[in-house]
């Protein structure tokens, strides 16, 4: 349950935390997302695509870091445009970018506390929420270690902790398993499955096996457009023994890209 103040009632979960129609988003002068239609409910959704597909630009738009260049985007029931007050949306978001900044002299606890404060969490709820987030990513023993002393994988786990500290209704994770060792990736998949029970979780990754292990459905982008959105079973059924990949999911992924490119 998301921490609330005494004056607040239980939050209302939005049936479609993400709803985009003909969404266009620029990365510099380049139109990186071009006419995307996407609607996501609660669950864990895997976002796949080759380099340059527009995944990170889409994630930045969904995190309200960049404004759409066209189309419509509604997040947690709020239409996102140049006039929208985004503070309420951002309180319900959790976001882990590919690269994130931090004060190196902060401890893990101080870093996650600071991010909880930025998300305008109730002050009284922050200490317990911070400890819970740190525990969930397996950094309990490093809570009072300075960020600059952590390994790359531990820094990534601290980033996941700040993303989930407010129990967000919409959680956006861009390449979350970079730097994690195999055991940590297994633990992370378990965490994802738990988070998806009550939240809309979108995970952008190059690792098809992470999607296959933890996601309820799969989204495939290429050149800024949506190529595929369906179940994992459907993805696996798209590939055959002649397609590249070491698993049914990887073969389905490569088959979809091959067919798209041959028809382009």
C-alpha atoms as a PDB file:
ATOM      1  CA  UNK A   1       0.000   0.000   0.000  1.00  0.00           C
ATOM      2  CA  UNK A   2       1.285   3.455  -0.916  1.00  0.00           C
ATOM      3  CA  UNK A   3       2.077   5.580   2.188  1.00  0.00           C
ATOM      4  CA  UNK A   4      -0.548   8.281   2.800  1.00  0.00           C
ATOM      5  CA  UNK A   5      -1.067  11.096   5.235  1.00  0.00           C
ATOM      6  CA  UNK A   6      -3.923  10.931   7.718  1.00  0.00           C
ATOM      7  CA  UNK A   7      -5.947  13.338   5.579  1.00  0.00           C
ATOM      8  CA  UNK A   8      -5.658  11.174   2.485  1.00  0.00           C
ATOM      9  CA  UNK A   9      -7.876   8.298   1.496  1.00  0.00           C
ATOM     10  CA  UNK A  10      -6.736   5.178  -0.288  1.00  0.00           C
ATOM     11  CA  UNK A  11      -5.516   5.984  -3.805  1.00  0.00           C
ATOM     12  CA  UNK A  12      -7.696   5.251  -6.811  1.00  0.00           C
ATOM     13  CA  UNK A  13      -5.883   3.073  -9.312  1.00  0.00           C
ATOM     14  CA  UNK A  14      -6.281   4.236 -12.885  1.00  0.00           C
ATOM     15  CA  UNK A  15      -7.505   1.559 -15.327  1.00  0.00           C
ATOM     16  CA  UNK A  16      -5.052   2.781 -17.990  1.00  0.00           C
ATOM     17  CA  UNK A  17      -2.004   4.382 -16.329  1.00  0.00           C
ATOM     18  CA  UNK A  18      -0.500   4.888 -19.796  1.00  0.00           C
ATOM     19  CA  UNK A  19      -2.575   5.887 -22.806  1.00  0.00           C
ATOM     20  CA  UNK A  20      -0.933   7.338 -25.912  1.00  0.00           C
ATOM     21  CA  UNK A  21      -2.484   8.137 -29.286  1.00  0.00           C
ATOM     22  CA  UNK A  22      -0.387   9.064 -32.329  1.00  0.00           C
ATOM     23  CA  UNK A  23       2.365  10.063 -29.916  1.00  0.00           C
ATOM     24  CA  UNK A  24       5.358  11.843 -31.409  1.00  0.00           C
ATOM     25  CA  UNK A  25       8.469  12.700 -29.389  1.00  0.00           C
ATOM     26  CA  UNK A  26      11.698  14.304 -30.557  1.00  0.00           C
ATOM     27  CA  UNK A  27      15.241  13.537 -29.447  1.00  0.00           C
ATOM     28  CA  UNK A  28      16.948  16.747 -30.498  1.00  0.00           C
ATOM     29  CA  UNK A  29      15.860  17.326 -34.094  1.00  0.00           C
ATOM     30  CA  UNK A  30      15.189  13.651 -34.701  1.00  0.00           C
ATOM     31  CA  UNK A  31      11.627  12.325 -34.435  1.00  0.00           C
ATOM     32  CA  UNK A  32      12.454   9.314 -32.261  1.00  0.00           C
ATOM     33  CA  UNK A  33       8.850   8.285 -31.511  1.00  0.00           C
ATOM     34  CA  UNK A  34       6.607   8.611 -34.547  1.00  0.00           C
ATOM     35  CA  UNK A  35       2.858   8.069 -34.282  1.00  0.00           C
ATOM     36  CA  UNK A  36       2.828   5.562 -31.413  1.00  0.00           C
ATOM     37  CA  UNK A  37      -0.432   4.139 -30.041  1.00  0.00           C
ATOM     38  CA  UNK A  38      -0.052   2.468 -26.649  1.00  0.00           C
ATOM     39  CA  UNK A  39      -2.389   1.635 -23.766  1.00  0.00           C
ATOM     40  CA  UNK A  40      -1.148  -0.237 -20.689  1.00  0.00           C
ATOM     41  CA  UNK A  41      -2.901  -1.534 -17.584  1.00  0.00           C
ATOM     42  CA  UNK A  42      -1.385  -2.899 -14.371  1.00  0.00           C
ATOM     43  CA  UNK A  43       1.182  -5.637 -14.879  1.00  0.00           C
ATOM     44  CA  UNK A  44       4.786  -5.953 -15.980  1.00  0.00           C
ATOM     45  CA  UNK A  45       5.294  -4.926 -19.592  1.00  0.00           C
ATOM     46  CA  UNK A  46       8.543  -5.560 -21.456  1.00  0.00           C
ATOM     47  CA  UNK A  47       9.687  -2.972 -24.009  1.00  0.00           C
ATOM     48  CA  UNK A  48      12.053  -4.432 -26.596  1.00  0.00           C
ATOM     49  CA  UNK A  49      13.721  -3.084 -29.713  1.00  0.00           C
ATOM     50  CA  UNK A  50      17.108  -2.626 -31.358  1.00  0.00           C
ATOM     51  CA  UNK A  51      19.367   0.338 -30.716  1.00  0.00           C
ATOM     52  CA  UNK A  52      17.782   3.485 -32.102  1.00  0.00           C
ATOM     53  CA  UNK A  53      14.243   2.100 -31.871  1.00  0.00           C
ATOM     54  CA  UNK A  54      13.087   5.020 -29.701  1.00  0.00           C
ATOM     55  CA  UNK A  55      12.723   3.124 -26.426  1.00  0.00           C
ATOM     56  CA  UNK A  56      14.636   5.556 -24.219  1.00  0.00           C
ATOM     57  CA  UNK A  57      12.941   8.593 -25.778  1.00  0.00           C
ATOM     58  CA  UNK A  58       9.559   6.997 -25.134  1.00  0.00           C
ATOM     59  CA  UNK A  59      10.516   6.282 -21.523  1.00  0.00           C
ATOM     60  CA  UNK A  60      11.639   9.891 -21.050  1.00  0.00           C
ATOM     61  CA  UNK A  61       8.294  11.139 -22.376  1.00  0.00           C
ATOM     62  CA  UNK A  62       6.377   8.777 -20.085  1.00  0.00           C
ATOM     63  CA  UNK A  63       8.482  10.032 -17.161  1.00  0.00           C
ATOM     64  CA  UNK A  64       7.540  13.646 -18.114  1.00  0.00           C
ATOM     65  CA  UNK A  65      11.213  14.481 -18.718  1.00  0.00           C
ATOM     66  CA  UNK A  66      10.522  15.562 -22.310  1.00  0.00           C
ATOM     67  CA  UNK A  67       7.313  16.954 -23.783  1.00  0.00           C
ATOM     68  CA  UNK A  68       5.526  15.242 -26.663  1.00  0.00           C
ATOM     69  CA  UNK A  69       5.913  16.918 -30.045  1.00  0.00           C
ATOM     70  CA  UNK A  70       2.448  15.776 -31.111  1.00  0.00           C
ATOM     71  CA  UNK A  71      -0.392  13.382 -30.510  1.00  0.00           C
ATOM     72  CA  UNK A  72      -1.830  12.811 -27.051  1.00  0.00           C
ATOM     73  CA  UNK A  73      -0.419  11.273 -23.884  1.00  0.00           C
ATOM     74  CA  UNK A  74      -2.395  10.584 -20.712  1.00  0.00           C
ATOM     75  CA  UNK A  75      -0.583   9.396 -17.588  1.00  0.00           C
ATOM     76  CA  UNK A  76      -2.446   8.347 -14.430  1.00  0.00           C
ATOM     77  CA  UNK A  77      -5.568  10.013 -15.771  1.00  0.00           C
ATOM     78  CA  UNK A  78      -3.887  13.357 -16.569  1.00  0.00           C
ATOM     79  CA  UNK A  79      -3.463  14.599 -20.126  1.00  0.00           C
ATOM     80  CA  UNK A  80       0.214  15.548 -20.491  1.00  0.00           C
ATOM     81  CA  UNK A  81       0.815  18.665 -22.551  1.00  0.00           C
ATOM     82  CA  UNK A  82       2.468  22.057 -22.204  1.00  0.00           C
ATOM     83  CA  UNK A  83      -0.239  23.361 -19.864  1.00  0.00           C
ATOM     84  CA  UNK A  84      -0.563  20.390 -17.532  1.00  0.00           C
ATOM     85  CA  UNK A  85       0.384  20.573 -13.842  1.00  0.00           C
ATOM     86  CA  UNK A  86       2.599  17.512 -13.617  1.00  0.00           C
ATOM     87  CA  UNK A  87       3.302  17.504  -9.875  1.00  0.00           C
ATOM     88  CA  UNK A  88       0.492  15.087  -9.115  1.00  0.00           C
ATOM     89  CA  UNK A  89       1.551  12.772 -11.936  1.00  0.00           C
ATOM     90  CA  UNK A  90       5.157  12.807 -10.772  1.00  0.00           C
ATOM     91  CA  UNK A  91       4.136  11.865  -7.221  1.00  0.00           C
ATOM     92  CA  UNK A  92       2.664   8.673  -8.665  1.00  0.00           C
ATOM     93  CA  UNK A  93       5.679   7.872 -10.844  1.00  0.00           C
ATOM     94  CA  UNK A  94       8.837   5.894 -10.289  1.00  0.00           C
ATOM     95  CA  UNK A  95      11.584   6.262 -12.880  1.00  0.00           C
ATOM     96  CA  UNK A  96      14.992   4.694 -13.330  1.00  0.00           C
ATOM     97  CA  UNK A  97      16.826   6.192 -16.330  1.00  0.00           C
ATOM     98  CA  UNK A  98      19.755   4.486 -18.014  1.00  0.00           C
ATOM     99  CA  UNK A  99      22.067   6.924 -16.253  1.00  0.00           C
ATOM    100  CA  UNK A 100      21.188   8.917 -13.161  1.00  0.00           C
ATOM    101  CA  UNK A 101      23.011  11.439 -11.036  1.00  0.00           C
ATOM    102  CA  UNK A 102      23.591  11.424  -7.292  1.00  0.00           C
ATOM    103  CA  UNK A 103      25.712  13.144  -4.687  1.00  0.00           C
ATOM    104  CA  UNK A 104      28.633  10.731  -4.225  1.00  0.00           C
ATOM    105  CA  UNK A 105      28.984  11.536  -0.516  1.00  0.00           C
ATOM    106  CA  UNK A 106      25.353  10.595   0.164  1.00  0.00           C
ATOM    107  CA  UNK A 107      24.836   7.235   1.764  1.00  0.00           C
ATOM    108  CA  UNK A 108      22.368   4.886   0.101  1.00  0.00           C
ATOM    109  CA  UNK A 109      19.816   5.797   2.776  1.00  0.00           C
ATOM    110  CA  UNK A 110      20.363   9.530   2.291  1.00  0.00           C
ATOM    111  CA  UNK A 111      20.050   9.177  -1.484  1.00  0.00           C
ATOM    112  CA  UNK A 112      16.752   7.285  -1.297  1.00  0.00           C
ATOM    113  CA  UNK A 113      15.447   9.661   1.411  1.00  0.00           C
ATOM    114  CA  UNK A 114      16.298  12.643  -0.770  1.00  0.00           C
ATOM    115  CA  UNK A 115      14.428  11.145  -3.724  1.00  0.00           C
ATOM    116  CA  UNK A 116      11.437  10.400  -1.491  1.00  0.00           C
ATOM    117  CA  UNK A 117      11.441  14.057  -0.408  1.00  0.00           C
ATOM    118  CA  UNK A 118      11.549  15.183  -4.058  1.00  0.00           C
ATOM    119  CA  UNK A 119       8.507  13.000  -4.704  1.00  0.00           C
ATOM    120  CA  UNK A 120       6.688  14.917  -1.932  1.00  0.00           C
ATOM    121  CA  UNK A 121       6.039  11.858   0.175  1.00  0.00           C
ATOM    122  CA  UNK A 122       4.560  12.526   3.627  1.00  0.00           C
ATOM    123  CA  UNK A 123       7.472  13.212   5.978  1.00  0.00           C
ATOM    124  CA  UNK A 124       6.365  10.706   8.590  1.00  0.00           C
ATOM    125  CA  UNK A 125       6.165   7.917   5.998  1.00  0.00           C
ATOM    126  CA  UNK A 126       9.635   8.403   4.548  1.00  0.00           C
ATOM    127  CA  UNK A 127      11.876   6.489   7.022  1.00  0.00           C
ATOM    128  CA  UNK A 128       9.906   3.235   6.841  1.00  0.00           C
ATOM    129  CA  UNK A 129       9.419   3.539   3.074  1.00  0.00           C
ATOM    130  CA  UNK A 130      13.133   4.114   2.532  1.00  0.00           C
ATOM    131  CA  UNK A 131      14.126   1.109   4.640  1.00  0.00           C
ATOM    132  CA  UNK A 132      11.613  -1.093   2.847  1.00  0.00           C
ATOM    133  CA  UNK A 133      12.872  -0.016  -0.601  1.00  0.00           C
ATOM    134  CA  UNK A 134      16.480  -0.635   0.403  1.00  0.00           C
ATOM    135  CA  UNK A 135      15.595  -4.064   1.776  1.00  0.00           C
ATOM    136  CA  UNK A 136      13.700  -5.004  -1.375  1.00  0.00           C
ATOM    137  CA  UNK A 137      16.729  -4.408  -3.601  1.00  0.00           C
ATOM    138  CA  UNK A 138      19.103  -6.293  -1.319  1.00  0.00           C
ATOM    139  CA  UNK A 139      21.114  -3.340  -0.021  1.00  0.00           C
ATOM    140  CA  UNK A 140      20.243  -3.662   3.666  1.00  0.00           C
ATOM    141  CA  UNK A 141      23.868  -4.145   4.651  1.00  0.00           C
ATOM    142  CA  UNK A 142      24.964  -1.174   2.531  1.00  0.00           C
ATOM    143  CA  UNK A 143      22.313   1.328   3.646  1.00  0.00           C
ATOM    144  CA  UNK A 144      24.841   3.550   5.403  1.00  0.00           C
ATOM    145  CA  UNK A 145      27.600   3.182   2.796  1.00  0.00           C
ATOM    146  CA  UNK A 146      28.406   6.208   0.661  1.00  0.00           C
ATOM    147  CA  UNK A 147      27.242   5.984  -2.940  1.00  0.00           C
ATOM    148  CA  UNK A 148      30.772   6.603  -4.236  1.00  0.00           C
ATOM    149  CA  UNK A 149      31.964   3.415  -2.514  1.00  0.00           C
ATOM    150  CA  UNK A 150      29.423   1.139  -4.230  1.00  0.00           C
ATOM    151  CA  UNK A 151      30.062  -1.141  -7.175  1.00  0.00           C
ATOM    152  CA  UNK A 152      28.262  -0.429 -10.433  1.00  0.00           C
ATOM    153  CA  UNK A 153      25.677  -3.104  -9.737  1.00  0.00           C
ATOM    154  CA  UNK A 154      24.997  -1.733  -6.257  1.00  0.00           C
ATOM    155  CA  UNK A 155      24.552   1.778  -7.643  1.00  0.00           C
ATOM    156  CA  UNK A 156      21.996   0.334 -10.067  1.00  0.00           C
ATOM    157  CA  UNK A 157      20.150  -1.325  -7.184  1.00  0.00           C
ATOM    158  CA  UNK A 158      20.141   1.982  -5.294  1.00  0.00           C
ATOM    159  CA  UNK A 159      18.587   3.508  -8.395  1.00  0.00           C
ATOM    160  CA  UNK A 160      15.856   0.879  -8.361  1.00  0.00           C
ATOM    161  CA  UNK A 161      15.265   1.604  -4.649  1.00  0.00           C
ATOM    162  CA  UNK A 162      14.637   5.296  -5.304  1.00  0.00           C
ATOM    163  CA  UNK A 163      12.275   4.392  -8.142  1.00  0.00           C
ATOM    164  CA  UNK A 164      10.081   2.203  -5.925  1.00  0.00           C
ATOM    165  CA  UNK A 165      10.301   4.121  -2.624  1.00  0.00           C
ATOM    166  CA  UNK A 166       6.913   5.824  -3.164  1.00  0.00           C
ATOM    167  CA  UNK A 167       5.163   2.577  -4.200  1.00  0.00           C
ATOM    168  CA  UNK A 168       4.407   4.170  -7.580  1.00  0.00           C
ATOM    169  CA  UNK A 169       1.326   3.341  -9.562  1.00  0.00           C
ATOM    170  CA  UNK A 170       3.424   3.768 -12.709  1.00  0.00           C
ATOM    171  CA  UNK A 171       6.999   2.458 -12.648  1.00  0.00           C
ATOM    172  CA  UNK A 172       9.382   3.061 -15.567  1.00  0.00           C
ATOM    173  CA  UNK A 173      12.681   1.160 -15.624  1.00  0.00           C
ATOM    174  CA  UNK A 174      15.178   1.773 -18.436  1.00  0.00           C
ATOM    175  CA  UNK A 175      17.767  -1.046 -18.661  1.00  0.00           C
ATOM    176  CA  UNK A 176      17.398  -1.882 -14.947  1.00  0.00           C
ATOM    177  CA  UNK A 177      19.568  -5.017 -14.946  1.00  0.00           C
ATOM    178  CA  UNK A 178      22.738  -3.406 -16.345  1.00  0.00           C
ATOM    179  CA  UNK A 179      25.564  -4.281 -13.959  1.00  0.00           C
ATOM    180  CA  UNK A 180      23.594  -6.862 -11.980  1.00  0.00           C
ATOM    181  CA  UNK A 181      25.104 -10.311 -11.598  1.00  0.00           C
ATOM    182  CA  UNK A 182      23.025 -13.422 -12.471  1.00  0.00           C
ATOM    183  CA  UNK A 183      21.807 -13.955  -8.892  1.00  0.00           C
ATOM    184  CA  UNK A 184      20.802 -10.298  -8.564  1.00  0.00           C
ATOM    185  CA  UNK A 185      18.929 -10.489 -11.869  1.00  0.00           C
ATOM    186  CA  UNK A 186      16.940 -13.455 -10.568  1.00  0.00           C
ATOM    187  CA  UNK A 187      16.046 -11.514  -7.417  1.00  0.00           C
ATOM    188  CA  UNK A 188      15.095  -8.510  -9.535  1.00  0.00           C
ATOM    189  CA  UNK A 189      12.728 -10.607 -11.643  1.00  0.00           C
ATOM    190  CA  UNK A 190      10.976 -11.764  -8.469  1.00  0.00           C
ATOM    191  CA  UNK A 191      10.683  -8.135  -7.370  1.00  0.00           C
ATOM    192  CA  UNK A 192       9.178  -7.160 -10.725  1.00  0.00           C
ATOM    193  CA  UNK A 193       6.522  -9.841 -10.526  1.00  0.00           C
ATOM    194  CA  UNK A 194       5.480  -8.571  -7.101  1.00  0.00           C
ATOM    195  CA  UNK A 195       5.403  -4.930  -8.212  1.00  0.00           C
ATOM    196  CA  UNK A 196       3.236  -5.738 -11.221  1.00  0.00           C
ATOM    197  CA  UNK A 197       0.408  -7.029  -9.042  1.00  0.00           C
ATOM    198  CA  UNK A 198      -0.732  -3.485  -8.176  1.00  0.00           C
ATOM    199  CA  UNK A 199       1.231  -1.201 -10.509  1.00  0.00           C
ATOM    200  CA  UNK A 200       1.852  -0.613 -14.189  1.00  0.00           C
ATOM    201  CA  UNK A 201       5.526  -1.466 -14.701  1.00  0.00           C
ATOM    202  CA  UNK A 202       7.263  -0.794 -18.025  1.00  0.00           C
ATOM    203  CA  UNK A 203      10.745  -2.297 -18.397  1.00  0.00           C
ATOM    204  CA  UNK A 204      12.906  -1.271 -21.352  1.00  0.00           C
ATOM    205  CA  UNK A 205      15.697  -3.740 -21.989  1.00  0.00           C
ATOM    206  CA  UNK A 206      17.844  -5.459 -24.607  1.00  0.00           C
ATOM    207  CA  UNK A 207      17.665  -8.720 -22.649  1.00  0.00           C
ATOM    208  CA  UNK A 208      14.818 -10.782 -24.059  1.00  0.00           C
ATOM    209  CA  UNK A 209      15.305 -13.402 -21.345  1.00  0.00           C
ATOM    210  CA  UNK A 210      14.483 -10.836 -18.631  1.00  0.00           C
ATOM    211  CA  UNK A 211      11.227 -10.050 -20.416  1.00  0.00           C
ATOM    212  CA  UNK A 212      10.441 -13.740 -20.833  1.00  0.00           C
ATOM    213  CA  UNK A 213      11.011 -14.402 -17.127  1.00  0.00           C
ATOM    214  CA  UNK A 214       9.090 -11.523 -15.566  1.00  0.00           C
ATOM    215  CA  UNK A 215       6.744  -9.736 -17.985  1.00  0.00           C
ATOM    216  CA  UNK A 216       3.046 -10.284 -18.589  1.00  0.00           C
ATOM    217  CA  UNK A 217       3.189  -8.899 -22.105  1.00  0.00           C
ATOM    218  CA  UNK A 218       5.685  -7.663 -24.671  1.00  0.00           C
ATOM    219  CA  UNK A 219       5.975  -4.464 -26.696  1.00  0.00           C
ATOM    220  CA  UNK A 220       8.348  -4.280 -29.659  1.00  0.00           C
ATOM    221  CA  UNK A 221       9.430  -0.962 -31.182  1.00  0.00           C
ATOM    222  CA  UNK A 222      11.525  -0.206 -34.229  1.00  0.00           C
ATOM    223  CA  UNK A 223      12.327   3.168 -35.800  1.00  0.00           C
ATOM    224  CA  UNK A 224       9.957   4.950 -33.452  1.00  0.00           C
ATOM    225  CA  UNK A 225       6.925   2.829 -34.247  1.00  0.00           C
ATOM    226  CA  UNK A 226       5.070   0.025 -32.529  1.00  0.00           C
ATOM    227  CA  UNK A 227       5.622  -3.301 -34.310  1.00  0.00           C
ATOM    228  CA  UNK A 228       4.069  -5.705 -31.836  1.00  0.00           C
ATOM    229  CA  UNK A 229       2.156  -5.762 -28.566  1.00  0.00           C
ATOM    230  CA  UNK A 230       0.872  -9.038 -27.215  1.00  0.00           C
ATOM    231  CA  UNK A 231       1.546 -11.843 -24.770  1.00  0.00           C
ATOM    232  CA  UNK A 232       4.818 -13.651 -24.282  1.00  0.00           C
ATOM    233  CA  UNK A 233       3.235 -16.807 -25.706  1.00  0.00           C
ATOM    234  CA  UNK A 234       2.324 -14.900 -28.856  1.00  0.00           C
ATOM    235  CA  UNK A 235       5.879 -13.584 -29.178  1.00  0.00           C
ATOM    236  CA  UNK A 236       7.326 -17.083 -28.835  1.00  0.00           C
ATOM    237  CA  UNK A 237       4.908 -18.428 -31.458  1.00  0.00           C
ATOM    238  CA  UNK A 238       6.201 -15.940 -34.039  1.00  0.00           C
ATOM    239  CA  UNK A 239       9.615 -17.599 -34.323  1.00  0.00           C
ATOM    240  CA  UNK A 240      10.837 -20.871 -35.748  1.00  0.00           C
ATOM    241  CA  UNK A 241      13.910 -23.061 -35.577  1.00  0.00           C
ATOM    242  CA  UNK A 242      15.469 -21.159 -38.463  1.00  0.00           C
ATOM    243  CA  UNK A 243      15.333 -17.808 -36.663  1.00  0.00           C
ATOM    244  CA  UNK A 244      18.232 -16.370 -34.687  1.00  0.00           C
ATOM    245  CA  UNK A 245      18.127 -16.845 -30.925  1.00  0.00           C
ATOM    246  CA  UNK A 246      18.761 -19.322 -28.147  1.00  0.00           C
ATOM    247  CA  UNK A 247      15.209 -19.407 -26.782  1.00  0.00           C
ATOM    248  CA  UNK A 248      11.673 -19.296 -28.216  1.00  0.00           C
ATOM    249  CA  UNK A 249      11.312 -15.674 -27.055  1.00  0.00           C
ATOM    250  CA  UNK A 250      14.556 -14.596 -28.738  1.00  0.00           C
ATOM    251  CA  UNK A 251      13.583 -16.405 -31.939  1.00  0.00           C
ATOM    252  CA  UNK A 252      10.186 -14.714 -31.930  1.00  0.00           C
ATOM    253  CA  UNK A 253      11.831 -11.319 -31.401  1.00  0.00           C
ATOM    254  CA  UNK A 254      14.305 -11.788 -34.247  1.00  0.00           C
ATOM    255  CA  UNK A 255      11.593 -13.159 -36.552  1.00  0.00           C
ATOM    256  CA  UNK A 256       9.391 -10.117 -36.041  1.00  0.00           C
ATOM    257  CA  UNK A 257      12.265  -7.732 -36.786  1.00  0.00           C
ATOM    258  CA  UNK A 258      13.334  -9.721 -39.843  1.00  0.00           C
ATOM    259  CA  UNK A 259       9.823  -9.721 -41.300  1.00  0.00           C
ATOM    260  CA  UNK A 260       9.395  -6.008 -40.654  1.00  0.00           C
ATOM    261  CA  UNK A 261      12.683  -5.166 -42.339  1.00  0.00           C
ATOM    262  CA  UNK A 262      11.938  -7.371 -45.332  1.00  0.00           C
ATOM    263  CA  UNK A 263       8.591  -5.558 -45.812  1.00  0.00           C
ATOM    264  CA  UNK A 264      10.028  -2.056 -45.311  1.00  0.00           C
END
